[in-house]
Amino acid sequence: MRRLATVPNLLTAYRFAVVPFLLLCFHPDASPGVSLLAFALFLSAAFTDLADGYYARKHQIETVLGKLMDPLADKVLVSSALIMLIPMDRIPAWVSFLIIARELCITGLRGVAASSGIVVAASRLGKFKSIAQYTALCILIFPLGVLPIPYLHHLGLGILYLSLALTLWSGFQYFYRFQEVFLPGTHS
């Protein structure tokens, strides 16, 4: 049990724990204070995603549980924001759908690979995708009108569209790598 309670696993658990509070904070009529709380919670959770893997590798305390739960925590966190920002009219539903669909497909592929003893590590493009998603969502969660920054929402949408492109492109890369491993000889 002690081995499971590592710093990286606790950081991953924090991302799961934040989600219910985010769901309570995301509301079209939320006060600026509640919206700032949602922003602070999401931002802190996003930083734990960057910190947990680095810490685990640096201190050589990677666990099987961590490898399984870390990407799941990321997807739950991002998906909750993508879904809850739709009724707030901050993002188009189709963008949320495409990002979440890609994440589900890649999670399925990783599960198939893992059942065969193959670990499909995140690519560099996948890491850029995550950073772009977190950046866009932080901007889009930030309460409108709190800071006099013109076009802040448009900036967030622009970064979200960039993250969508990176999400789809990295998804195609995963499918290609999966095909190379599980269906050798089917590509030229």
Protein backbone atom coordinates (compact mmCIF):
# COMPACT_ATOMS: atom_id res chain seq x y z
CA MET A 1 0.00 0.00 0.00
CA ARG A 2 2.86 2.36 0.81
CA ARG A 3 4.19 2.00 -2.77
CA LEU A 4 0.86 3.24 -4.14
CA ALA A 5 0.92 6.42 -2.06
CA THR A 6 3.73 8.02 -4.05
CA VAL A 7 3.81 11.73 -4.81
CA PRO A 8 2.98 11.18 -8.51
CA ASN A 9 0.01 8.95 -7.64
CA LEU A 10 -1.24 11.54 -5.13
CA LEU A 11 -0.97 14.24 -7.80
CA THR A 12 -2.96 12.04 -10.17
CA ALA A 13 -5.56 11.45 -7.45
CA TYR A 14 -5.82 15.22 -7.00
CA ARG A 15 -6.93 15.59 -10.64
CA PHE A 16 -9.73 13.09 -10.03
CA ALA A 17 -10.71 14.82 -6.78
CA VAL A 18 -10.92 18.25 -8.41
CA VAL A 19 -13.45 17.23 -11.05
CA PRO A 20 -16.60 17.15 -8.85
CA PHE A 21 -15.76 20.62 -7.54
CA LEU A 22 -15.25 21.88 -11.07
CA LEU A 23 -18.63 20.51 -12.06
CA LEU A 24 -20.21 22.50 -9.23
CA CYS A 25 -18.39 25.68 -10.28
CA PHE A 26 -19.14 25.50 -14.01
CA HIS A 27 -22.40 27.34 -14.43
CA PRO A 28 -23.50 29.99 -16.94
CA ASP A 29 -24.69 32.24 -14.07
CA ALA A 30 -21.75 31.63 -11.75
CA SER A 31 -20.40 34.64 -9.92
CA PRO A 32 -16.94 35.90 -10.86
CA GLY A 33 -15.63 34.48 -7.56
CA VAL A 34 -16.94 30.99 -8.33
CA SER A 35 -15.57 31.24 -11.88
CA LEU A 36 -12.17 32.25 -10.51
CA LEU A 37 -12.32 29.24 -8.19
CA ALA A 38 -13.01 26.99 -11.18
CA PHE A 39 -10.07 28.56 -13.01
CA ALA A 40 -7.74 28.08 -10.01
CA LEU A 41 -8.83 24.45 -9.54
CA PHE A 42 -8.41 23.60 -13.22
CA LEU A 43 -5.05 25.37 -13.45
CA SER A 44 -3.73 23.58 -10.35
CA ALA A 45 -4.92 20.23 -11.71
CA ALA A 46 -3.32 20.93 -15.10
CA PHE A 47 0.00 21.64 -13.37
CA THR A 48 -0.18 18.32 -11.52
CA ASP A 49 -0.33 16.60 -14.91
CA LEU A 50 2.94 18.21 -15.88
CA ALA A 51 4.51 17.48 -12.49
CA ASP A 52 3.55 13.88 -11.76
CA GLY A 53 5.21 12.17 -14.72
CA TYR A 54 8.35 14.27 -14.41
CA TYR A 55 8.61 13.52 -10.69
CA ALA A 56 7.97 9.79 -11.18
CA ARG A 57 10.66 9.48 -13.86
CA LYS A 58 13.18 11.65 -11.99
CA HIS A 59 12.84 9.66 -8.77
CA GLN A 60 12.29 6.33 -10.55
CA ILE A 61 9.01 5.66 -8.73
CA GLU A 62 6.77 4.91 -11.66
CA THR A 63 4.00 2.45 -10.77
CA VAL A 64 1.65 0.36 -12.85
CA LEU A 65 -1.26 2.14 -11.17
CA GLY A 66 0.25 5.50 -12.07
CA LYS A 67 0.76 4.52 -15.69
CA LEU A 68 -2.88 3.44 -15.88
CA MET A 69 -4.50 6.24 -13.89
CA ASP A 70 -2.45 9.24 -15.06
CA PRO A 71 -3.82 9.35 -18.63
CA LEU A 72 -7.29 8.53 -17.34
CA ALA A 73 -7.18 11.43 -14.86
CA ASP A 74 -6.08 13.75 -17.67
CA LYS A 75 -8.97 12.66 -19.87
CA VAL A 76 -11.54 12.98 -17.08
CA LEU A 77 -10.29 16.48 -16.22
CA VAL A 78 -10.19 17.73 -19.82
CA SER A 79 -13.48 16.07 -20.77
CA SER A 80 -15.29 17.61 -17.80
CA ALA A 81 -14.17 21.09 -18.86
CA LEU A 82 -14.96 20.45 -22.53
CA ILE A 83 -18.47 19.30 -21.68
CA MET A 84 -19.27 21.92 -19.06
CA LEU A 85 -18.10 24.84 -21.21
CA ILE A 86 -20.69 23.99 -23.90
CA PRO A 87 -23.81 25.24 -22.05
CA MET A 88 -21.80 28.26 -20.93
CA ASP A 89 -21.47 29.06 -24.66
CA ARG A 90 -17.70 29.18 -24.43
CA ILE A 91 -16.92 26.40 -26.93
CA PRO A 92 -18.74 24.66 -29.79
CA ALA A 93 -20.07 21.19 -29.01
CA TRP A 94 -18.51 19.68 -32.14
CA VAL A 95 -15.01 20.62 -30.96
CA SER A 96 -15.64 18.95 -27.60
CA PHE A 97 -17.02 15.87 -29.36
CA LEU A 98 -14.00 15.47 -31.66
CA ILE A 99 -11.48 15.87 -28.85
CA ILE A 100 -13.31 13.48 -26.52
CA ALA A 101 -13.88 10.93 -29.31
CA ARG A 102 -10.17 10.93 -30.15
CA GLU A 103 -9.27 10.47 -26.50
CA LEU A 104 -11.64 7.51 -26.16
CA CYS A 105 -10.29 5.86 -29.32
CA ILE A 106 -6.67 6.25 -28.25
CA THR A 107 -7.47 4.97 -24.76
CA GLY A 108 -9.02 1.90 -26.39
CA LEU A 109 -5.96 1.35 -28.57
CA ARG A 110 -3.66 1.72 -25.59
CA GLY A 111 -5.78 -0.82 -23.72
CA VAL A 112 -5.48 -3.33 -26.57
CA ALA A 113 -1.74 -2.75 -26.73
CA ALA A 114 -1.36 -3.06 -22.95
CA SER A 115 -3.25 -6.37 -22.96
CA SER A 116 -0.59 -7.62 -25.36
CA GLY A 117 2.20 -6.35 -23.13
CA ILE A 118 3.00 -3.33 -25.31
CA VAL A 119 3.17 0.16 -23.84
CA VAL A 120 2.33 2.91 -26.31
CA ALA A 121 4.06 5.94 -24.84
CA ALA A 122 2.85 9.46 -25.40
CA SER A 123 4.48 11.12 -28.37
CA ARG A 124 6.03 14.57 -28.33
CA LEU A 125 3.08 15.78 -30.43
CA GLY A 126 0.70 14.28 -27.88
CA LYS A 127 2.44 16.27 -25.14
CA PHE A 128 2.12 19.49 -27.16
CA LYS A 129 -1.54 18.62 -27.67
CA SER A 130 -2.05 18.33 -23.92
CA ILE A 131 -0.32 21.64 -23.22
CA ALA A 132 -2.42 23.36 -25.90
CA GLN A 133 -5.62 21.85 -24.49
CA TYR A 134 -4.80 22.90 -20.95
CA THR A 135 -3.83 26.41 -22.07
CA ALA A 136 -6.99 26.87 -24.13
CA LEU A 137 -9.25 25.53 -21.41
CA CYS A 138 -7.63 27.69 -18.72
CA ILE A 139 -8.25 30.77 -20.85
CA LEU A 140 -11.82 29.73 -21.67
CA ILE A 141 -12.61 28.93 -18.02
CA PHE A 142 -11.29 32.28 -16.85
CA PRO A 143 -14.30 34.50 -16.07
CA LEU A 144 -15.20 36.88 -18.87
CA GLY A 145 -14.82 40.53 -17.98
CA VAL A 146 -12.67 40.05 -14.84
CA LEU A 147 -9.55 41.34 -16.59
CA PRO A 148 -9.73 44.01 -19.27
CA ILE A 149 -7.96 41.85 -21.82
CA PRO A 150 -9.60 42.34 -25.21
CA TYR A 151 -10.36 39.21 -27.20
CA LEU A 152 -9.27 36.85 -24.41
CA HIS A 153 -12.11 34.47 -25.30
CA HIS A 154 -11.10 34.58 -28.98
CA LEU A 155 -7.51 33.79 -28.00
CA GLY A 156 -8.73 30.79 -26.00
CA LEU A 157 -10.83 29.58 -28.93
CA GLY A 158 -7.88 30.00 -31.30
CA ILE A 159 -5.66 27.89 -29.05
CA LEU A 160 -8.48 25.35 -28.68
CA TYR A 161 -8.71 25.01 -32.48
CA LEU A 162 -4.94 24.56 -32.60
CA SER A 163 -5.23 21.90 -29.90
CA LEU A 164 -7.99 20.22 -31.94
CA ALA A 165 -5.65 20.04 -34.95
CA LEU A 166 -2.86 18.63 -32.75
CA THR A 167 -5.34 16.22 -31.13
CA LEU A 168 -6.48 14.82 -34.47
CA TRP A 169 -2.97 14.69 -35.94
CA SER A 170 -1.51 12.91 -32.91
CA GLY A 171 -4.51 10.55 -33.02
CA PHE A 172 -3.65 9.63 -36.60
CA GLN A 173 -0.06 9.04 -35.49
CA TYR A 174 -1.24 6.65 -32.76
CA PHE A 175 -3.40 4.75 -35.23
CA TYR A 176 -0.44 4.47 -37.60
CA ARG A 177 1.92 3.26 -34.84
CA PHE A 178 -0.74 0.83 -33.64
CA GLN A 179 -1.09 -0.53 -37.19
CA GLU A 180 2.69 -0.95 -37.50
CA VAL A 181 2.81 -3.00 -34.29
CA PHE A 182 -0.34 -5.09 -34.65
CA LEU A 183 -0.69 -5.36 -38.42
CA PRO A 184 2.87 -5.54 -39.78
CA GLY A 185 3.19 -5.57 -43.53
CA THR A 186 -0.11 -3.76 -44.17
CA HIS A 187 1.48 -0.41 -44.93
CA SER A 188 4.02 0.68 -47.49
